Amino acid sequence: MISYLEFEKPVAQLEERISQLRGVNALHDVDVAHEIARLEAKSNDLLASTYASLTPWQKTQVARHPLRPHFRDYVAHAFEEFVPLGGDRLFGDDEAIMGGFAKINGRRIMLIGHEKGHDTQTRIRHNFGMGKPEGYRKAIRLMELAGRFGLPVVTLVDTSGAFPGIEAEERGQAEAIARSTEACLALPVPMVAVIVGEGGSGGAVALASAERVLMLEHAVYSVISPEGCASILWRTSEKAPDAAQAMKVTAQDLKRLGVIDRIVKEPVGGAHRNPAATARMLGDAIVEELDALSGKPAEALVAAREARFLAIGG
């Protein structure tokens, strides 16, 4: 079942009409094939035109869609032989950040990413993708392991931000995020980061400080959520659409500003309408980037990362 967003209501009405006509056809053996075909074409055109002109706030809604694919979906459709590794060897395991050995197109890699969950039970278990200190320390451990074995690192970023709870602060949240960012920048192996949904604040940067940063077409990436920004500037979250516009959160804006390197297309109507196709396109893009980085010495990779981030805003 498709869950429609507010701006998709005209499409929802057309698809509801198509469903009703199919029911009539099945019950009464009435030939309405021509009308169904006409409405389907109209619905597809409307969906394409709607998604071709999304506002930054609408893209934020798409990035947060409850059916949007997450880490486990990409593991299932774009990677092979995933072997999960858990624990930070200091406190415990954090299921908001997952990682382990994997293969993509026959190449062995270390895969790390945020998992939000798909229903109430899994969202609670994965803490809605908000990593705790032990999650970022796990990521550091896995990056160091990748460096030791010469494995490229691929990260899939999808978080509204690191967990802001008191217990996370008590266990050194800020330090863990800083150390994770440092570990990314010092990696002696190729690293490709992909913003697949929300890229929120330091919780995202801690897994996205790579020499190649990609974004899905309707993902967003920012230092704070539009609602958070609006609450600070206007004292009301109702100004979130204005904040999203001003903050340049979209992949298109960030590519133009040089914050990211590449935009990966999504199926018409967003990744949630065809997760498998999205994963295949993303997998192809990751393979191309890894091929381009393959064989470069560690010194060149570290220097490229340093130059990339120092150039932002220049």
Protein backbone atom coordinates (compact mmCIF):
# COMPACT_ATOMS: atom_id res chain seq x y z
CA MET A 1 0.00 0.00 0.00
CA ILE A 2 1.29 3.45 -0.96
CA SER A 3 1.16 6.06 1.80
CA TYR A 4 0.44 9.40 0.11
CA LEU A 5 1.94 12.68 1.22
CA GLU A 6 -0.16 15.85 1.40
CA PHE A 7 1.04 17.20 -1.95
CA GLU A 8 0.29 13.85 -3.62
CA LYS A 9 -3.47 14.03 -3.01
CA PRO A 10 -4.37 14.65 -6.70
CA VAL A 11 -2.40 11.53 -7.64
CA ALA A 12 -4.06 9.59 -4.82
CA GLN A 13 -7.51 10.56 -6.12
CA LEU A 14 -6.67 9.35 -9.63
CA GLU A 15 -5.25 6.06 -8.36
CA GLU A 16 -8.31 5.54 -6.17
CA ARG A 17 -10.52 6.03 -9.24
CA ILE A 18 -8.41 3.50 -11.17
CA SER A 19 -8.81 1.00 -8.33
CA GLN A 20 -12.58 1.49 -8.33
CA LEU A 21 -12.79 0.93 -12.10
CA ARG A 22 -10.77 -2.28 -11.78
CA GLY A 23 -13.25 -3.46 -9.15
CA VAL A 24 -16.18 -2.71 -11.45
CA ASN A 25 -14.46 -4.57 -14.27
CA ALA A 26 -13.91 -7.64 -12.05
CA LEU A 27 -17.45 -7.72 -10.61
CA HIS A 28 -19.58 -6.88 -13.63
CA ASP A 29 -17.38 -7.88 -16.56
CA VAL A 30 -17.64 -4.36 -17.97
CA ASP A 31 -14.94 -3.32 -20.42
CA VAL A 32 -13.36 -0.21 -18.91
CA ALA A 33 -9.83 -0.95 -20.07
CA HIS A 34 -9.65 2.17 -22.23
CA GLU A 35 -10.72 4.44 -19.35
CA ILE A 36 -8.28 2.72 -16.98
CA ALA A 37 -5.43 3.20 -19.47
CA ARG A 38 -6.34 6.86 -19.88
CA LEU A 39 -6.40 7.49 -16.14
CA GLU A 40 -3.15 5.57 -15.60
CA ALA A 41 -1.40 7.71 -18.21
CA LYS A 42 -2.81 10.85 -16.58
CA SER A 43 -1.72 9.65 -13.13
CA ASN A 44 1.82 8.85 -14.32
CA ASP A 45 2.15 12.25 -16.00
CA LEU A 46 0.86 14.02 -12.90
CA LEU A 47 3.23 12.08 -10.64
CA ALA A 48 6.20 12.89 -12.88
CA SER A 49 5.35 16.60 -13.10
CA THR A 50 4.77 16.79 -9.33
CA TYR A 51 8.13 15.22 -8.48
CA ALA A 52 9.94 17.32 -11.08
CA SER A 53 9.04 20.51 -9.21
CA LEU A 54 9.16 19.62 -5.52
CA THR A 55 9.92 22.38 -3.04
CA PRO A 56 12.70 21.83 -0.46
CA TRP A 57 10.05 21.19 2.21
CA GLN A 58 8.30 18.63 0.02
CA LYS A 59 11.64 16.90 -0.58
CA THR A 60 12.12 16.80 3.18
CA GLN A 61 8.77 15.02 3.47
CA VAL A 62 9.78 12.53 0.77
CA ALA A 63 13.11 11.89 2.54
CA ARG A 64 11.14 11.05 5.69
CA HIS A 65 8.48 8.93 3.97
CA PRO A 66 7.57 5.97 6.23
CA LEU A 67 8.04 3.51 3.36
CA ARG A 68 11.35 4.93 2.14
CA PRO A 69 14.02 2.19 1.97
CA HIS A 70 16.56 2.06 4.79
CA PHE A 71 19.85 0.29 5.46
CA ARG A 72 18.42 -3.24 5.58
CA ASP A 73 16.59 -2.70 2.27
CA TYR A 74 19.80 -1.66 0.53
CA VAL A 75 21.64 -4.61 2.04
CA ALA A 76 18.97 -6.91 0.58
CA HIS A 77 18.93 -5.39 -2.92
CA ALA A 78 22.36 -3.85 -3.61
CA PHE A 79 24.91 -5.85 -1.60
CA GLU A 80 25.83 -9.50 -1.10
CA GLU A 81 27.18 -11.64 1.74
CA PHE A 82 26.56 -9.06 4.45
CA VAL A 83 28.10 -10.18 7.77
CA PRO A 84 26.93 -7.87 10.58
CA LEU A 85 29.38 -6.92 13.30
CA GLY A 86 28.18 -5.52 16.62
CA GLY A 87 29.45 -3.72 19.68
CA ASP A 88 31.95 -0.95 20.36
CA ARG A 89 34.01 -3.03 22.85
CA LEU A 90 33.46 -0.28 25.42
CA PHE A 91 29.78 -0.14 26.40
CA GLY A 92 27.46 -2.14 24.15
CA ASP A 93 25.80 -2.36 20.77
CA ASP A 94 23.72 0.36 19.13
CA GLU A 95 21.21 -0.86 16.55
CA ALA A 96 20.65 2.64 15.14
CA ILE A 97 24.02 2.26 13.40
CA MET A 98 24.68 -1.06 11.70
CA GLY A 99 27.74 -2.33 9.90
CA GLY A 100 29.76 -5.27 8.77
CA PHE A 101 31.56 -6.98 5.92
CA ALA A 102 29.75 -7.08 2.58
CA LYS A 103 30.31 -7.41 -1.14
CA ILE A 104 29.18 -5.21 -4.00
CA ASN A 105 29.69 -6.40 -7.55
CA GLY A 106 32.18 -8.96 -6.24
CA ARG A 107 34.26 -6.37 -4.36
CA ARG A 108 34.68 -6.81 -0.61
CA ILE A 109 33.87 -3.71 1.42
CA MET A 110 33.03 -2.52 4.90
CA LEU A 111 29.41 -1.32 4.93
CA ILE A 112 28.14 1.02 7.68
CA GLY A 113 24.87 2.92 7.94
CA HIS A 114 21.87 4.16 9.89
CA GLU A 115 18.77 1.99 10.19
CA LYS A 116 15.45 3.65 11.13
CA GLY A 117 13.11 0.65 11.09
CA HIS A 118 9.78 0.23 9.26
CA ASP A 119 7.17 -0.26 11.98
CA THR A 120 6.70 0.73 15.61
CA GLN A 121 8.61 -2.23 17.01
CA THR A 122 11.64 -1.92 14.72
CA ARG A 123 11.72 1.87 14.94
CA ILE A 124 11.97 1.65 18.71
CA ARG A 125 14.64 -1.05 18.47
CA HIS A 126 16.70 1.04 16.05
CA ASN A 127 15.96 4.27 17.95
CA PHE A 128 14.58 5.88 14.76
CA GLY A 129 18.09 5.92 13.29
CA MET A 130 19.46 8.25 15.98
CA GLY A 131 22.89 6.94 16.90
CA LYS A 132 24.27 6.86 20.44
CA PRO A 133 27.97 7.13 21.40
CA GLU A 134 28.39 3.35 21.24
CA GLY A 135 27.04 3.42 17.68
CA TYR A 136 29.63 5.92 16.52
CA ARG A 137 32.37 4.10 18.43
CA LYS A 138 31.26 0.91 16.68
CA ALA A 139 31.59 2.75 13.36
CA ILE A 140 35.11 3.84 14.34
CA ARG A 141 36.01 0.23 15.19
CA LEU A 142 34.72 -0.99 11.84
CA MET A 143 36.52 1.76 9.91
CA GLU A 144 39.79 0.88 11.66
CA LEU A 145 39.16 -2.78 10.82
CA ALA A 146 38.58 -1.84 7.17
CA GLY A 147 41.84 0.10 7.12
CA ARG A 148 43.71 -2.86 8.60
CA PHE A 149 42.39 -5.23 5.90
CA GLY A 150 42.48 -2.75 3.02
CA LEU A 151 38.73 -2.75 2.47
CA PRO A 152 36.92 0.27 0.98
CA VAL A 153 34.29 1.80 3.27
CA VAL A 154 30.75 2.57 2.10
CA THR A 155 28.35 4.43 4.40
CA LEU A 156 24.60 4.89 4.01
CA VAL A 157 23.50 7.97 5.97
CA ASP A 158 19.89 8.35 7.08
CA THR A 159 19.33 10.09 10.40
CA SER A 160 17.56 13.14 11.74
CA GLY A 161 20.59 13.53 14.01
CA ALA A 162 22.48 11.79 16.78
CA PHE A 163 20.45 10.83 19.85
CA PRO A 164 20.17 13.88 22.19
CA GLY A 165 19.24 12.01 25.36
CA ILE A 166 20.91 12.56 28.73
CA GLU A 167 22.42 9.07 28.77
CA ALA A 168 24.06 9.72 25.40
CA GLU A 169 25.58 12.95 26.70
CA GLU A 170 26.80 11.13 29.82
CA ARG A 171 28.61 8.60 27.63
CA GLY A 172 30.34 11.28 25.53
CA GLN A 173 28.12 11.85 22.49
CA ALA A 174 30.00 14.90 21.19
CA GLU A 175 33.38 13.23 21.59
CA ALA A 176 32.18 10.06 19.84
CA ILE A 177 30.84 12.06 16.87
CA ALA A 178 34.09 14.03 16.62
CA ARG A 179 36.18 10.86 16.78
CA SER A 180 34.04 9.21 14.11
CA THR A 181 34.47 12.22 11.81
CA GLU A 182 38.22 12.09 12.48
CA ALA A 183 38.28 8.36 11.68
CA CYS A 184 36.57 9.03 8.31
CA LEU A 185 39.10 11.72 7.40
CA ALA A 186 42.09 9.55 8.36
CA LEU A 187 41.01 6.37 6.55
CA PRO A 188 43.83 4.86 4.47
CA VAL A 189 41.29 3.22 2.13
CA PRO A 190 38.68 4.63 -0.30
CA MET A 191 35.45 5.86 1.27
CA VAL A 192 32.12 6.59 -0.42
CA ALA A 193 29.26 8.08 1.61
CA VAL A 194 25.66 8.26 0.43
CA ILE A 195 22.87 10.36 1.94
CA VAL A 196 19.91 8.05 1.28
CA GLY A 197 17.23 9.85 3.30
CA GLU A 198 17.86 12.47 5.95
CA GLY A 199 21.36 13.73 6.61
CA GLY A 200 20.98 15.52 9.92
CA SER A 201 23.68 17.48 11.74
CA GLY A 202 26.84 15.91 13.20
CA GLY A 203 25.10 12.56 13.42
CA ALA A 204 25.28 12.46 9.62
CA VAL A 205 28.68 14.13 9.15
CA ALA A 206 30.24 11.52 11.44
CA LEU A 207 29.61 8.88 8.75
CA ALA A 208 29.81 11.15 5.69
CA SER A 209 33.27 12.74 5.80
CA ALA A 210 34.39 10.85 2.70
CA GLU A 211 36.26 11.83 -0.44
CA ARG A 212 33.11 11.08 -2.45
CA VAL A 213 29.70 12.10 -1.07
CA LEU A 214 26.58 11.09 -3.01
CA MET A 215 22.92 11.90 -2.41
CA LEU A 216 19.74 10.31 -3.63
CA GLU A 217 17.65 12.69 -5.72
CA HIS A 218 15.06 13.42 -3.02
CA ALA A 219 17.29 13.14 0.06
CA VAL A 220 18.09 16.15 2.27
CA TYR A 221 21.26 17.13 4.15
CA SER A 222 21.57 19.95 6.66
CA VAL A 223 23.11 21.09 9.95
CA ILE A 224 19.68 21.14 11.64
CA SER A 225 16.14 20.08 10.74
CA PRO A 226 13.92 22.72 9.10
CA GLU A 227 11.64 22.56 12.16
CA GLY A 228 14.58 23.12 14.49
CA CYS A 229 15.84 26.05 12.43
CA ALA A 230 12.36 27.60 12.32
CA SER A 231 11.97 27.22 16.09
CA ILE A 232 15.22 29.13 16.64
CA LEU A 233 14.68 31.91 14.08
CA TRP A 234 10.91 32.39 14.20
CA ARG A 235 10.01 30.70 17.51
CA THR A 236 7.59 28.42 15.66
CA SER A 237 7.99 25.19 13.70
CA GLU A 238 5.23 26.34 11.34
CA LYS A 239 7.92 28.23 9.43
CA ALA A 240 9.69 24.96 8.57
CA PRO A 241 8.93 25.29 4.80
CA ASP A 242 10.59 28.72 4.79
CA ALA A 243 13.56 27.37 6.72
CA ALA A 244 13.98 24.45 4.29
CA GLN A 245 14.02 26.90 1.39
CA ALA A 246 16.62 29.15 3.02
CA MET A 247 18.87 26.33 4.26
CA LYS A 248 19.50 24.79 0.81
CA VAL A 249 18.87 21.25 2.05
CA THR A 250 18.24 19.53 -1.30
CA ALA A 251 20.66 17.43 -3.30
CA GLN A 252 20.37 19.86 -6.21
CA ASP A 253 21.33 22.88 -4.07
CA LEU A 254 24.15 21.04 -2.33
CA LYS A 255 25.60 19.79 -5.62
CA ARG A 256 25.62 23.35 -6.92
CA LEU A 257 27.35 24.53 -3.73
CA GLY A 258 29.99 21.79 -3.90
CA VAL A 259 28.95 20.09 -0.65
CA ILE A 260 28.20 16.80 -2.43
CA ASP A 261 29.72 15.28 -5.54
CA ARG A 262 26.92 13.36 -7.26
CA ILE A 263 23.16 12.96 -7.34
CA VAL A 264 21.73 9.47 -7.80
CA LYS A 265 18.36 9.36 -9.56
CA GLU A 266 15.30 7.83 -7.90
CA PRO A 267 12.33 6.16 -9.60
CA VAL A 268 9.51 8.55 -10.52
CA GLY A 269 7.54 9.19 -7.35
CA GLY A 270 10.47 8.60 -4.99
CA ALA A 271 12.51 5.68 -3.70
CA HIS A 272 9.59 4.36 -1.62
CA ARG A 273 7.66 3.48 -4.81
CA ASN A 274 10.35 1.07 -5.99
CA PRO A 275 13.01 0.28 -3.35
CA ALA A 276 14.59 -2.50 -5.43
CA ALA A 277 15.13 -0.24 -8.45
CA THR A 278 16.50 2.50 -6.20
CA ALA A 279 18.97 0.06 -4.64
CA ARG A 280 20.15 -1.10 -8.06
CA MET A 281 20.78 2.47 -9.26
CA LEU A 282 22.54 3.30 -6.02
CA GLY A 283 24.66 0.15 -6.23
CA ASP A 284 25.75 1.02 -9.77
CA ALA A 285 26.76 4.52 -8.66
CA ILE A 286 28.76 3.20 -5.69
CA VAL A 287 30.60 0.70 -7.90
CA GLU A 288 31.53 3.49 -10.35
CA GLU A 289 32.90 5.63 -7.53
CA LEU A 290 34.87 2.77 -6.00
CA ASP A 291 36.34 1.93 -9.39
CA ALA A 292 37.48 5.54 -9.78
CA LEU A 293 39.14 5.51 -6.33
CA SER A 294 40.65 2.04 -6.63
CA GLY A 295 44.44 1.85 -6.57
CA LYS A 296 45.04 5.31 -5.13
CA PRO A 297 47.63 5.39 -2.32
CA ALA A 298 46.53 6.16 1.22
CA GLU A 299 48.30 9.52 1.22
CA ALA A 300 46.41 10.64 -1.89
CA LEU A 301 43.05 9.57 -0.43
CA VAL A 302 43.62 11.44 2.84
CA ALA A 303 44.85 14.53 0.96
CA ALA A 304 41.80 14.42 -1.33
CA ARG A 305 39.45 14.32 1.65
CA GLU A 306 41.25 17.22 3.31
CA ALA A 307 41.18 19.32 0.15
CA ARG A 308 37.51 18.48 -0.50
CA PHE A 309 36.26 19.73 2.86
CA LEU A 310 38.56 22.74 3.06
CA ALA A 311 37.22 23.88 -0.33
CA ILE A 312 33.59 23.98 0.86
CA GLY A 313 32.49 27.60 1.18
CA GLY A 314 35.66 28.90 -0.43
